[in-house]
Amino acid sequence: MQLVIISGRSGSGKSIALQALEDLGFYAIDNLPAMLLAPLIDELEAGSPHRRRVAVSIDARNLPTALEQFPGLLESLTGRGLDCQVVYLTAEPRVLLERYAATRRRHPLTRESDMTLAEAIESEEQFLSPIRHTADLVIDTSNLTLHDLRSRISEQVARDNSSQMTLTLESFGFKRGVPLDADLVFDARCLPNPYWDPRLRGSTGQEQAVIDFLEQYPDVEDMFIDIRQWLDRWLPAYTASRRSYLTVAIGCTGGQHRSVYLIERLGAYLAERFPSVRIRHRELTVQRTLGRASDGSA
């Protein structure tokens, strides 16, 4: 049985993710108390053996003691042979505040307390930390549309990735903050910046003029080689640890030139060595799949 557990901060898109899985054929249950998860699996295995794909949402409305026991509960389920994935959705606090202001909904933690909305958003992250620490995949929805989120759930969660790790390479701009779902972060701000050349200011690291500019500097090549060698050394260890997802992010000031260039080069290199590589340029709102995954095999 495949079990997907959706959790995360209120307003981050959990309902959209659960609906996407339901549309893809999962038996979906919203706001399940954590301690009812094992009895639910028992019931489905005994009475509904045809339901082999199950998705549940577990959020901060659970009792604190139930959330604290979640890691042990998850370990017992995987010990029974279930294919379990924990997907944690998050977003920047300012984005969550804006979403609540737009919808005028009350945050669950403010309904029975005198907390402000900002305090509830901060507290919720602490309540959910036992789940986040067990997450196989963290998705930062701060800059995702509903369509983007549904696509990521379909591509990264609904498909069978049990035999391989999905590697995401992401460029970003530090001026807009580090991606919340990044596992490894490299800083390219020390490299020469094409932005200061007026002819290149409006271009990106995917364009030949910017590529030519960067490749004339030895430091750029040295950084690429250092990051590539680090990944060559450690990616096999992450794969061997049975990790399902890994996001490697490279940032520069604006996320337009240097980080884009380095991610493009790393993507071309790793696509020849890795079965599933995804490229995402956060500030350019571009994403695509490279390598063997691009033919639909992963």
C-alpha atoms as a PDB file:
ATOM      1  CA  MET A   1       0.000   0.000   0.000  1.00  0.00           C
ATOM      2  CA  GLN A   2       1.199   3.504  -0.839  1.00  0.00           C
ATOM      3  CA  LEU A   3       0.518   6.038   1.925  1.00  0.00           C
ATOM      4  CA  VAL A   4       1.094   9.769   1.401  1.00  0.00           C
ATOM      5  CA  ILE A   5       0.866  11.983   4.488  1.00  0.00           C
ATOM      6  CA  ILE A   6       0.321  15.665   3.697  1.00  0.00           C
ATOM      7  CA  SER A   7       1.125  18.139   6.450  1.00  0.00           C
ATOM      8  CA  GLY A   8       2.362  21.683   6.824  1.00  0.00           C
ATOM      9  CA  ARG A   9       1.452  25.196   7.775  1.00  0.00           C
ATOM     10  CA  SER A  10      -2.122  26.410   7.475  1.00  0.00           C
ATOM     11  CA  GLY A  11      -2.486  28.408   4.280  1.00  0.00           C
ATOM     12  CA  SER A  12       0.403  26.653   2.545  1.00  0.00           C
ATOM     13  CA  GLY A  13      -1.798  24.606   0.188  1.00  0.00           C
ATOM     14  CA  LYS A  14      -2.442  21.295   1.967  1.00  0.00           C
ATOM     15  CA  SER A  15      -6.041  21.086   0.724  1.00  0.00           C
ATOM     16  CA  ILE A  16      -4.917  21.684  -2.861  1.00  0.00           C
ATOM     17  CA  ALA A  17      -2.265  18.962  -2.560  1.00  0.00           C
ATOM     18  CA  LEU A  18      -4.765  16.496  -1.102  1.00  0.00           C
ATOM     19  CA  GLN A  19      -7.321  17.284  -3.808  1.00  0.00           C
ATOM     20  CA  ALA A  20      -4.663  16.766  -6.471  1.00  0.00           C
ATOM     21  CA  LEU A  21      -3.915  13.295  -5.106  1.00  0.00           C
ATOM     22  CA  GLU A  22      -7.631  12.483  -4.911  1.00  0.00           C
ATOM     23  CA  ASP A  23      -7.991  13.463  -8.567  1.00  0.00           C
ATOM     24  CA  LEU A  24      -5.143  11.066  -9.347  1.00  0.00           C
ATOM     25  CA  GLY A  25      -6.949   8.131  -7.770  1.00  0.00           C
ATOM     26  CA  PHE A  26      -5.860   8.262  -4.140  1.00  0.00           C
ATOM     27  CA  TYR A  27      -8.346   7.563  -1.338  1.00  0.00           C
ATOM     28  CA  ALA A  28      -8.070  10.924   0.415  1.00  0.00           C
ATOM     29  CA  ILE A  29      -8.942  11.902   3.999  1.00  0.00           C
ATOM     30  CA  ASP A  30      -8.584  15.453   5.317  1.00  0.00           C
ATOM     31  CA  ASN A  31      -7.699  16.445   8.913  1.00  0.00           C
ATOM     32  CA  LEU A  32      -7.102  12.938  10.222  1.00  0.00           C
ATOM     33  CA  PRO A  33      -6.134  12.705  13.922  1.00  0.00           C
ATOM     34  CA  ALA A  34      -2.611  11.282  13.928  1.00  0.00           C
ATOM     35  CA  MET A  35      -3.442   8.509  16.384  1.00  0.00           C
ATOM     36  CA  LEU A  36      -6.148   7.185  14.027  1.00  0.00           C
ATOM     37  CA  LEU A  37      -3.662   6.603  11.235  1.00  0.00           C
ATOM     38  CA  ALA A  38      -2.714   3.046  12.239  1.00  0.00           C
ATOM     39  CA  PRO A  39      -6.344   1.955  12.803  1.00  0.00           C
ATOM     40  CA  LEU A  40      -7.234   3.435   9.401  1.00  0.00           C
ATOM     41  CA  ILE A  41      -4.541   1.375   7.680  1.00  0.00           C
ATOM     42  CA  ASP A  42      -5.702  -1.732   9.562  1.00  0.00           C
ATOM     43  CA  GLU A  43      -9.267  -1.160   8.397  1.00  0.00           C
ATOM     44  CA  LEU A  44      -8.288  -0.531   4.780  1.00  0.00           C
ATOM     45  CA  GLU A  45      -6.041  -3.586   4.619  1.00  0.00           C
ATOM     46  CA  ALA A  46      -8.756  -5.795   6.091  1.00  0.00           C
ATOM     47  CA  GLY A  47     -11.881  -4.427   4.455  1.00  0.00           C
ATOM     48  CA  SER A  48     -10.774  -2.499   1.362  1.00  0.00           C
ATOM     49  CA  PRO A  49      -7.773  -4.300  -0.148  1.00  0.00           C
ATOM     50  CA  HIS A  50      -8.428  -2.624  -3.509  1.00  0.00           C
ATOM     51  CA  ARG A  51      -7.545   0.759  -2.041  1.00  0.00           C
ATOM     52  CA  ARG A  52      -3.799   0.599  -2.490  1.00  0.00           C
ATOM     53  CA  ARG A  53      -3.137   4.353  -2.690  1.00  0.00           C
ATOM     54  CA  VAL A  54      -4.103   6.423   0.336  1.00  0.00           C
ATOM     55  CA  ALA A  55      -3.488  10.106   1.111  1.00  0.00           C
ATOM     56  CA  VAL A  56      -4.231  11.760   4.445  1.00  0.00           C
ATOM     57  CA  SER A  57      -3.783  15.271   5.767  1.00  0.00           C
ATOM     58  CA  ILE A  58      -2.514  15.746   9.333  1.00  0.00           C
ATOM     59  CA  ASP A  59      -2.255  19.284  10.671  1.00  0.00           C
ATOM     60  CA  ALA A  60      -1.752  21.334  13.826  1.00  0.00           C
ATOM     61  CA  ARG A  61      -5.315  20.727  15.037  1.00  0.00           C
ATOM     62  CA  ASN A  62      -4.017  17.441  16.474  1.00  0.00           C
ATOM     63  CA  LEU A  63      -3.249  17.189  20.171  1.00  0.00           C
ATOM     64  CA  PRO A  64       0.395  18.134  20.891  1.00  0.00           C
ATOM     65  CA  THR A  65       1.039  14.688  22.389  1.00  0.00           C
ATOM     66  CA  ALA A  66      -0.174  13.041  19.173  1.00  0.00           C
ATOM     67  CA  LEU A  67       2.205  15.134  17.077  1.00  0.00           C
ATOM     68  CA  GLU A  68       5.103  14.305  19.402  1.00  0.00           C
ATOM     69  CA  GLN A  69       4.420  10.592  18.870  1.00  0.00           C
ATOM     70  CA  PHE A  70       4.251  10.928  15.091  1.00  0.00           C
ATOM     71  CA  PRO A  71       7.877   9.822  14.336  1.00  0.00           C
ATOM     72  CA  GLY A  72       7.357   6.564  16.241  1.00  0.00           C
ATOM     73  CA  LEU A  73       4.009   6.017  14.547  1.00  0.00           C
ATOM     74  CA  LEU A  74       5.573   6.517  11.132  1.00  0.00           C
ATOM     75  CA  GLU A  75       8.388   4.088  11.954  1.00  0.00           C
ATOM     76  CA  SER A  76       5.871   1.413  12.942  1.00  0.00           C
ATOM     77  CA  LEU A  77       3.986   1.842   9.654  1.00  0.00           C
ATOM     78  CA  THR A  78       7.100   1.589   7.507  1.00  0.00           C
ATOM     79  CA  GLY A  79       8.093  -1.457   9.546  1.00  0.00           C
ATOM     80  CA  ARG A  80       4.907  -3.107   8.339  1.00  0.00           C
ATOM     81  CA  GLY A  81       6.064  -2.746   4.749  1.00  0.00           C
ATOM     82  CA  LEU A  82       4.015   0.307   3.772  1.00  0.00           C
ATOM     83  CA  ASP A  83       5.428   2.665   1.161  1.00  0.00           C
ATOM     84  CA  CYS A  84       5.113   5.875   3.211  1.00  0.00           C
ATOM     85  CA  GLN A  85       5.853   9.398   2.017  1.00  0.00           C
ATOM     86  CA  VAL A  86       5.605  12.468   4.220  1.00  0.00           C
ATOM     87  CA  VAL A  87       5.126  15.709   2.282  1.00  0.00           C
ATOM     88  CA  TYR A  88       5.434  18.956   4.233  1.00  0.00           C
ATOM     89  CA  LEU A  89       4.154  22.221   2.756  1.00  0.00           C
ATOM     90  CA  THR A  90       5.382  25.562   3.987  1.00  0.00           C
ATOM     91  CA  ALA A  91       5.540  29.215   2.953  1.00  0.00           C
ATOM     92  CA  GLU A  92       7.146  32.411   4.143  1.00  0.00           C
ATOM     93  CA  PRO A  93       5.288  33.999   7.084  1.00  0.00           C
ATOM     94  CA  ARG A  94       4.622  37.207   5.129  1.00  0.00           C
ATOM     95  CA  VAL A  95       3.010  35.160   2.349  1.00  0.00           C
ATOM     96  CA  LEU A  96       0.814  33.296   4.827  1.00  0.00           C
ATOM     97  CA  LEU A  97      -0.243  36.611   6.370  1.00  0.00           C
ATOM     98  CA  GLU A  98      -1.172  37.919   2.919  1.00  0.00           C
ATOM     99  CA  ARG A  99      -3.165  34.782   2.117  1.00  0.00           C
ATOM    100  CA  TYR A 100      -5.135  34.986   5.345  1.00  0.00           C
ATOM    101  CA  ALA A 101      -5.797  38.683   4.770  1.00  0.00           C
ATOM    102  CA  ALA A 102      -7.081  37.905   1.261  1.00  0.00           C
ATOM    103  CA  THR A 103      -9.383  35.065   2.333  1.00  0.00           C
ATOM    104  CA  ARG A 104     -10.381  36.560   5.719  1.00  0.00           C
ATOM    105  CA  ARG A 105     -10.300  33.077   7.233  1.00  0.00           C
ATOM    106  CA  ARG A 106      -9.287  32.458  10.833  1.00  0.00           C
ATOM    107  CA  HIS A 107      -6.131  30.542  11.570  1.00  0.00           C
ATOM    108  CA  PRO A 108      -6.955  27.274  13.415  1.00  0.00           C
ATOM    109  CA  LEU A 109      -4.744  28.189  16.369  1.00  0.00           C
ATOM    110  CA  THR A 110      -6.502  31.545  16.933  1.00  0.00           C
ATOM    111  CA  ARG A 111      -9.962  30.037  17.380  1.00  0.00           C
ATOM    112  CA  GLU A 112      -9.488  28.997  21.003  1.00  0.00           C
ATOM    113  CA  SER A 113      -6.717  31.344  22.117  1.00  0.00           C
ATOM    114  CA  ASP A 114      -5.849  35.027  22.215  1.00  0.00           C
ATOM    115  CA  MET A 115      -2.873  34.647  19.846  1.00  0.00           C
ATOM    116  CA  THR A 116      -2.472  37.096  17.010  1.00  0.00           C
ATOM    117  CA  LEU A 117      -2.305  35.722  13.488  1.00  0.00           C
ATOM    118  CA  ALA A 118       1.458  36.263  13.336  1.00  0.00           C
ATOM    119  CA  GLU A 119       1.915  34.450  16.656  1.00  0.00           C
ATOM    120  CA  ALA A 120      -0.255  31.554  15.479  1.00  0.00           C
ATOM    121  CA  ILE A 121       1.770  31.168  12.286  1.00  0.00           C
ATOM    122  CA  GLU A 122       5.007  31.054  14.292  1.00  0.00           C
ATOM    123  CA  SER A 123       3.614  28.653  16.898  1.00  0.00           C
ATOM    124  CA  GLU A 124       2.212  26.289  14.288  1.00  0.00           C
ATOM    125  CA  GLU A 125       5.665  25.666  12.845  1.00  0.00           C
ATOM    126  CA  GLN A 126       6.846  24.590  16.310  1.00  0.00           C
ATOM    127  CA  PHE A 127       3.836  22.318  16.821  1.00  0.00           C
ATOM    128  CA  LEU A 128       4.460  20.596  13.502  1.00  0.00           C
ATOM    129  CA  SER A 129       8.234  20.192  13.904  1.00  0.00           C
ATOM    130  CA  PRO A 130       7.977  16.412  14.664  1.00  0.00           C
ATOM    131  CA  ILE A 131       6.330  15.923  11.281  1.00  0.00           C
ATOM    132  CA  ARG A 132       8.617  18.282   9.382  1.00  0.00           C
ATOM    133  CA  HIS A 133      11.706  16.499  10.707  1.00  0.00           C
ATOM    134  CA  THR A 134      10.431  13.231   9.205  1.00  0.00           C
ATOM    135  CA  ALA A 135       9.417  14.738   5.845  1.00  0.00           C
ATOM    136  CA  ASP A 136      10.651  13.096   2.657  1.00  0.00           C
ATOM    137  CA  LEU A 137       9.745  16.175   0.629  1.00  0.00           C
ATOM    138  CA  VAL A 138       9.380  19.818   1.697  1.00  0.00           C
ATOM    139  CA  ILE A 139       7.617  22.123  -0.758  1.00  0.00           C
ATOM    140  CA  ASP A 140       7.862  25.893  -0.397  1.00  0.00           C
ATOM    141  CA  THR A 141       4.656  27.244  -1.931  1.00  0.00           C
ATOM    142  CA  SER A 142       5.513  30.928  -1.422  1.00  0.00           C
ATOM    143  CA  ASN A 143       5.956  31.516  -5.145  1.00  0.00           C
ATOM    144  CA  LEU A 144       3.804  28.688  -6.544  1.00  0.00           C
ATOM    145  CA  THR A 145       0.442  29.079  -8.229  1.00  0.00           C
ATOM    146  CA  LEU A 146      -2.286  26.504  -7.610  1.00  0.00           C
ATOM    147  CA  HIS A 147      -1.433  24.961 -10.979  1.00  0.00           C
ATOM    148  CA  ASP A 148       2.273  24.811 -10.074  1.00  0.00           C
ATOM    149  CA  LEU A 149       1.522  23.043  -6.795  1.00  0.00           C
ATOM    150  CA  ARG A 150      -0.802  20.503  -8.416  1.00  0.00           C
ATOM    151  CA  SER A 151       1.867  19.801 -11.048  1.00  0.00           C
ATOM    152  CA  ARG A 152       4.559  19.225  -8.431  1.00  0.00           C
ATOM    153  CA  ILE A 153       2.311  16.876  -6.480  1.00  0.00           C
ATOM    154  CA  SER A 154       1.537  14.954  -9.652  1.00  0.00           C
ATOM    155  CA  GLU A 155       5.164  14.741 -10.791  1.00  0.00           C
ATOM    156  CA  GLN A 156       6.971  14.219  -7.499  1.00  0.00           C
ATOM    157  CA  VAL A 157       4.495  12.486  -5.223  1.00  0.00           C
ATOM    158  CA  ALA A 158       1.925  10.523  -7.214  1.00  0.00           C
ATOM    159  CA  ARG A 159       4.415   8.732  -9.443  1.00  0.00           C
ATOM    160  CA  ASP A 160       6.419   5.781  -8.172  1.00  0.00           C
ATOM    161  CA  ASN A 161       9.813   7.117  -7.132  1.00  0.00           C
ATOM    162  CA  SER A 162      10.544   4.378  -4.636  1.00  0.00           C
ATOM    163  CA  SER A 163      13.567   3.059  -6.512  1.00  0.00           C
ATOM    164  CA  GLN A 164      15.371   6.357  -7.145  1.00  0.00           C
ATOM    165  CA  MET A 165      16.036   9.786  -5.716  1.00  0.00           C
ATOM    166  CA  THR A 166      14.647  12.854  -7.462  1.00  0.00           C
ATOM    167  CA  LEU A 167      17.269  15.604  -7.644  1.00  0.00           C
ATOM    168  CA  THR A 168      16.132  19.212  -8.010  1.00  0.00           C
ATOM    169  CA  LEU A 169      18.597  21.961  -8.935  1.00  0.00           C
ATOM    170  CA  GLU A 170      17.302  25.445  -8.165  1.00  0.00           C
ATOM    171  CA  SER A 171      18.636  28.946  -8.780  1.00  0.00           C
ATOM    172  CA  PHE A 172      17.422  31.837  -6.644  1.00  0.00           C
ATOM    173  CA  GLY A 173      18.120  35.401  -5.592  1.00  0.00           C
ATOM    174  CA  PHE A 174      19.251  36.067  -2.024  1.00  0.00           C
ATOM    175  CA  LYS A 175      17.399  39.381  -2.078  1.00  0.00           C
ATOM    176  CA  ARG A 176      14.145  37.372  -2.019  1.00  0.00           C
ATOM    177  CA  GLY A 177      15.358  34.911   0.597  1.00  0.00           C
ATOM    178  CA  VAL A 178      16.714  31.367   0.591  1.00  0.00           C
ATOM    179  CA  PRO A 179      14.192  28.749  -0.666  1.00  0.00           C
ATOM    180  CA  LEU A 180      12.549  27.089   2.328  1.00  0.00           C
ATOM    181  CA  ASP A 181      12.672  23.678   0.652  1.00  0.00           C
ATOM    182  CA  ALA A 182      16.399  23.746  -0.173  1.00  0.00           C
ATOM    183  CA  ASP A 183      18.496  20.939   1.366  1.00  0.00           C
ATOM    184  CA  LEU A 184      21.905  22.232   0.213  1.00  0.00           C
ATOM    185  CA  VAL A 185      22.682  25.895  -0.520  1.00  0.00           C
ATOM    186  CA  PHE A 186      25.683  27.371  -2.344  1.00  0.00           C
ATOM    187  CA  ASP A 187      26.418  31.114  -2.559  1.00  0.00           C
ATOM    188  CA  ALA A 188      27.629  32.538  -5.901  1.00  0.00           C
ATOM    189  CA  ARG A 189      27.529  36.215  -4.916  1.00  0.00           C
ATOM    190  CA  CYS A 190      31.319  36.416  -4.779  1.00  0.00           C
ATOM    191  CA  LEU A 191      31.567  35.838  -8.550  1.00  0.00           C
ATOM    192  CA  PRO A 192      31.768  38.661 -11.149  1.00  0.00           C
ATOM    193  CA  ASN A 193      28.272  40.037 -11.746  1.00  0.00           C
ATOM    194  CA  PRO A 194      26.978  40.545 -15.320  1.00  0.00           C
ATOM    195  CA  TYR A 195      24.342  42.898 -13.909  1.00  0.00           C
ATOM    196  CA  TRP A 196      26.862  45.716 -13.857  1.00  0.00           C
ATOM    197  CA  ASP A 197      27.307  45.492 -17.634  1.00  0.00           C
ATOM    198  CA  PRO A 198      24.376  47.528 -19.056  1.00  0.00           C
ATOM    199  CA  ARG A 199      24.282  45.304 -22.152  1.00  0.00           C
ATOM    200  CA  LEU A 200      23.683  42.193 -20.026  1.00  0.00           C
ATOM    201  CA  ARG A 201      21.437  43.610 -17.296  1.00  0.00           C
ATOM    202  CA  GLY A 202      18.231  42.367 -18.910  1.00  0.00           C
ATOM    203  CA  SER A 203      19.642  38.997 -19.979  1.00  0.00           C
ATOM    204  CA  THR A 204      19.807  35.719 -18.025  1.00  0.00           C
ATOM    205  CA  GLY A 205      22.373  33.029 -17.328  1.00  0.00           C
ATOM    206  CA  GLN A 206      20.783  30.927 -20.075  1.00  0.00           C
ATOM    207  CA  GLU A 207      21.844  33.379 -22.796  1.00  0.00           C
ATOM    208  CA  GLN A 208      25.115  33.116 -24.669  1.00  0.00           C
ATOM    209  CA  ALA A 209      26.246  36.697 -24.000  1.00  0.00           C
ATOM    210  CA  VAL A 210      26.061  36.107 -20.224  1.00  0.00           C
ATOM    211  CA  ILE A 211      27.697  32.684 -20.574  1.00  0.00           C
ATOM    212  CA  ASP A 212      30.599  34.269 -22.499  1.00  0.00           C
ATOM    213  CA  PHE A 213      30.944  36.971 -19.859  1.00  0.00           C
ATOM    214  CA  LEU A 214      31.113  34.504 -16.968  1.00  0.00           C
ATOM    215  CA  GLU A 215      33.380  31.996 -18.640  1.00  0.00           C
ATOM    216  CA  GLN A 216      36.168  34.524 -19.054  1.00  0.00           C
ATOM    217  CA  TYR A 217      36.720  34.482 -15.271  1.00  0.00           C
ATOM    218  CA  PRO A 218      38.672  31.571 -13.695  1.00  0.00           C
ATOM    219  CA  ASP A 219      36.794  31.947 -10.405  1.00  0.00           C
ATOM    220  CA  VAL A 220      33.538  30.986 -12.110  1.00  0.00           C
ATOM    221  CA  GLU A 221      35.036  27.773 -13.446  1.00  0.00           C
ATOM    222  CA  ASP A 222      36.656  27.033 -10.086  1.00  0.00           C
ATOM    223  CA  MET A 223      33.328  27.351  -8.263  1.00  0.00           C
ATOM    224  CA  PHE A 224      31.561  25.124 -10.784  1.00  0.00           C
ATOM    225  CA  ILE A 225      34.253  22.466 -10.421  1.00  0.00           C
ATOM    226  CA  ASP A 226      34.171  22.651  -6.603  1.00  0.00           C
ATOM    227  CA  ILE A 227      30.372  22.255  -6.456  1.00  0.00           C
ATOM    228  CA  ARG A 228      30.433  19.498  -9.065  1.00  0.00           C
ATOM    229  CA  GLN A 229      33.112  17.558  -7.201  1.00  0.00           C
ATOM    230  CA  TRP A 230      31.273  17.979  -3.885  1.00  0.00           C
ATOM    231  CA  LEU A 231      28.097  16.581  -5.422  1.00  0.00           C
ATOM    232  CA  ASP A 232      30.009  13.749  -7.097  1.00  0.00           C
ATOM    233  CA  ARG A 233      31.377  12.815  -3.697  1.00  0.00           C
ATOM    234  CA  TRP A 234      28.179  13.057  -1.657  1.00  0.00           C
ATOM    235  CA  LEU A 235      25.183  12.369  -3.923  1.00  0.00           C
ATOM    236  CA  PRO A 236      25.821   8.601  -3.800  1.00  0.00           C
ATOM    237  CA  ALA A 237      25.666   8.798   0.008  1.00  0.00           C
ATOM    238  CA  TYR A 238      22.308  10.585  -0.094  1.00  0.00           C
ATOM    239  CA  THR A 239      21.018   7.985  -2.554  1.00  0.00           C
ATOM    240  CA  ALA A 240      22.265   5.125  -0.395  1.00  0.00           C
ATOM    241  CA  SER A 241      20.411   6.580   2.607  1.00  0.00           C
ATOM    242  CA  ARG A 242      17.151   5.832   0.751  1.00  0.00           C
ATOM    243  CA  ARG A 243      16.335   9.507   0.433  1.00  0.00           C
ATOM    244  CA  SER A 244      13.534  10.180  -2.054  1.00  0.00           C
ATOM    245  CA  TYR A 245      14.205  13.856  -2.797  1.00  0.00           C
ATOM    246  CA  LEU A 246      17.094  16.297  -2.629  1.00  0.00           C
ATOM    247  CA  THR A 247      17.081  19.985  -3.582  1.00  0.00           C
ATOM    248  CA  VAL A 248      20.396  21.704  -4.319  1.00  0.00           C
ATOM    249  CA  ALA A 249      20.088  25.487  -4.542  1.00  0.00           C
ATOM    250  CA  ILE A 250      22.579  28.056  -5.809  1.00  0.00           C
ATOM    251  CA  GLY A 251      21.944  31.720  -5.136  1.00  0.00           C
ATOM    252  CA  CYS A 252      23.278  35.027  -6.373  1.00  0.00           C
ATOM    253  CA  THR A 253      21.972  38.511  -5.645  1.00  0.00           C
ATOM    254  CA  GLY A 254      19.021  38.594  -8.038  1.00  0.00           C
ATOM    255  CA  GLY A 255      18.802  34.992  -9.200  1.00  0.00           C
ATOM    256  CA  GLN A 256      19.073  35.987 -12.846  1.00  0.00           C
ATOM    257  CA  HIS A 257      22.663  35.573 -14.045  1.00  0.00           C
ATOM    258  CA  ARG A 258      25.311  33.701 -12.033  1.00  0.00           C
ATOM    259  CA  SER A 259      23.107  31.181 -10.213  1.00  0.00           C
ATOM    260  CA  VAL A 260      21.135  30.418 -13.389  1.00  0.00           C
ATOM    261  CA  TYR A 261      24.352  29.795 -15.310  1.00  0.00           C
ATOM    262  CA  LEU A 262      25.755  27.441 -12.662  1.00  0.00           C
ATOM    263  CA  ILE A 263      22.487  25.493 -12.313  1.00  0.00           C
ATOM    264  CA  GLU A 264      22.268  25.053 -16.093  1.00  0.00           C
ATOM    265  CA  ARG A 265      25.816  23.671 -16.214  1.00  0.00           C
ATOM    266  CA  LEU A 266      25.255  21.364 -13.256  1.00  0.00           C
ATOM    267  CA  GLY A 267      22.002  20.145 -14.767  1.00  0.00           C
ATOM    268  CA  ALA A 268      23.681  19.243 -18.054  1.00  0.00           C
ATOM    269  CA  TYR A 269      26.444  17.443 -16.164  1.00  0.00           C
ATOM    270  CA  LEU A 270      24.249  15.511 -13.722  1.00  0.00           C
ATOM    271  CA  ALA A 271      21.616  14.567 -16.306  1.00  0.00           C
ATOM    272  CA  GLU A 272      24.200  12.219 -17.801  1.00  0.00           C
ATOM    273  CA  ARG A 273      24.782  10.543 -14.443  1.00  0.00           C
ATOM    274  CA  PHE A 274      21.467  10.690 -12.619  1.00  0.00           C
ATOM    275  CA  PRO A 275      18.086   9.207 -13.602  1.00  0.00           C
ATOM    276  CA  SER A 276      15.862  12.098 -12.511  1.00  0.00           C
ATOM    277  CA  VAL A 277      17.054  15.707 -12.517  1.00  0.00           C
ATOM    278  CA  ARG A 278      14.740  18.709 -12.359  1.00  0.00           C
ATOM    279  CA  ILE A 279      15.797  22.283 -13.060  1.00  0.00           C
ATOM    280  CA  ARG A 280      14.018  25.197 -11.413  1.00  0.00           C
ATOM    281  CA  HIS A 281      14.886  28.881 -11.788  1.00  0.00           C
ATOM    282  CA  ARG A 282      12.814  30.495  -9.034  1.00  0.00           C
ATOM    283  CA  GLU A 283      13.149  34.106 -10.112  1.00  0.00           C
ATOM    284  CA  LEU A 284      12.602  33.255 -13.780  1.00  0.00           C
ATOM    285  CA  THR A 285       9.609  30.985 -12.967  1.00  0.00           C
ATOM    286  CA  VAL A 286      11.112  28.277 -15.176  1.00  0.00           C
ATOM    287  CA  GLN A 287      11.243  24.555 -14.473  1.00  0.00           C
ATOM    288  CA  ARG A 288      11.899  21.462 -16.560  1.00  0.00           C
ATOM    289  CA  THR A 289      13.151  17.886 -16.333  1.00  0.00           C
ATOM    290  CA  LEU A 290      16.473  16.667 -17.726  1.00  0.00           C
ATOM    291  CA  GLY A 291      18.118  13.332 -18.384  1.00  0.00           C
ATOM    292  CA  ARG A 292      16.418   9.949 -18.506  1.00  0.00           C
ATOM    293  CA  ALA A 293      13.416  11.346 -16.637  1.00  0.00           C
ATOM    294  CA  SER A 294      12.539  13.524 -19.639  1.00  0.00           C
ATOM    295  CA  ASP A 295      11.458  10.528 -21.695  1.00  0.00           C
ATOM    296  CA  GLY A 296       8.742   9.652 -19.172  1.00  0.00           C
ATOM    297  CA  SER A 297      10.711   6.848 -17.527  1.00  0.00           C
ATOM    298  CA  ALA A 298      10.857   8.640 -14.154  1.00  0.00           C
END
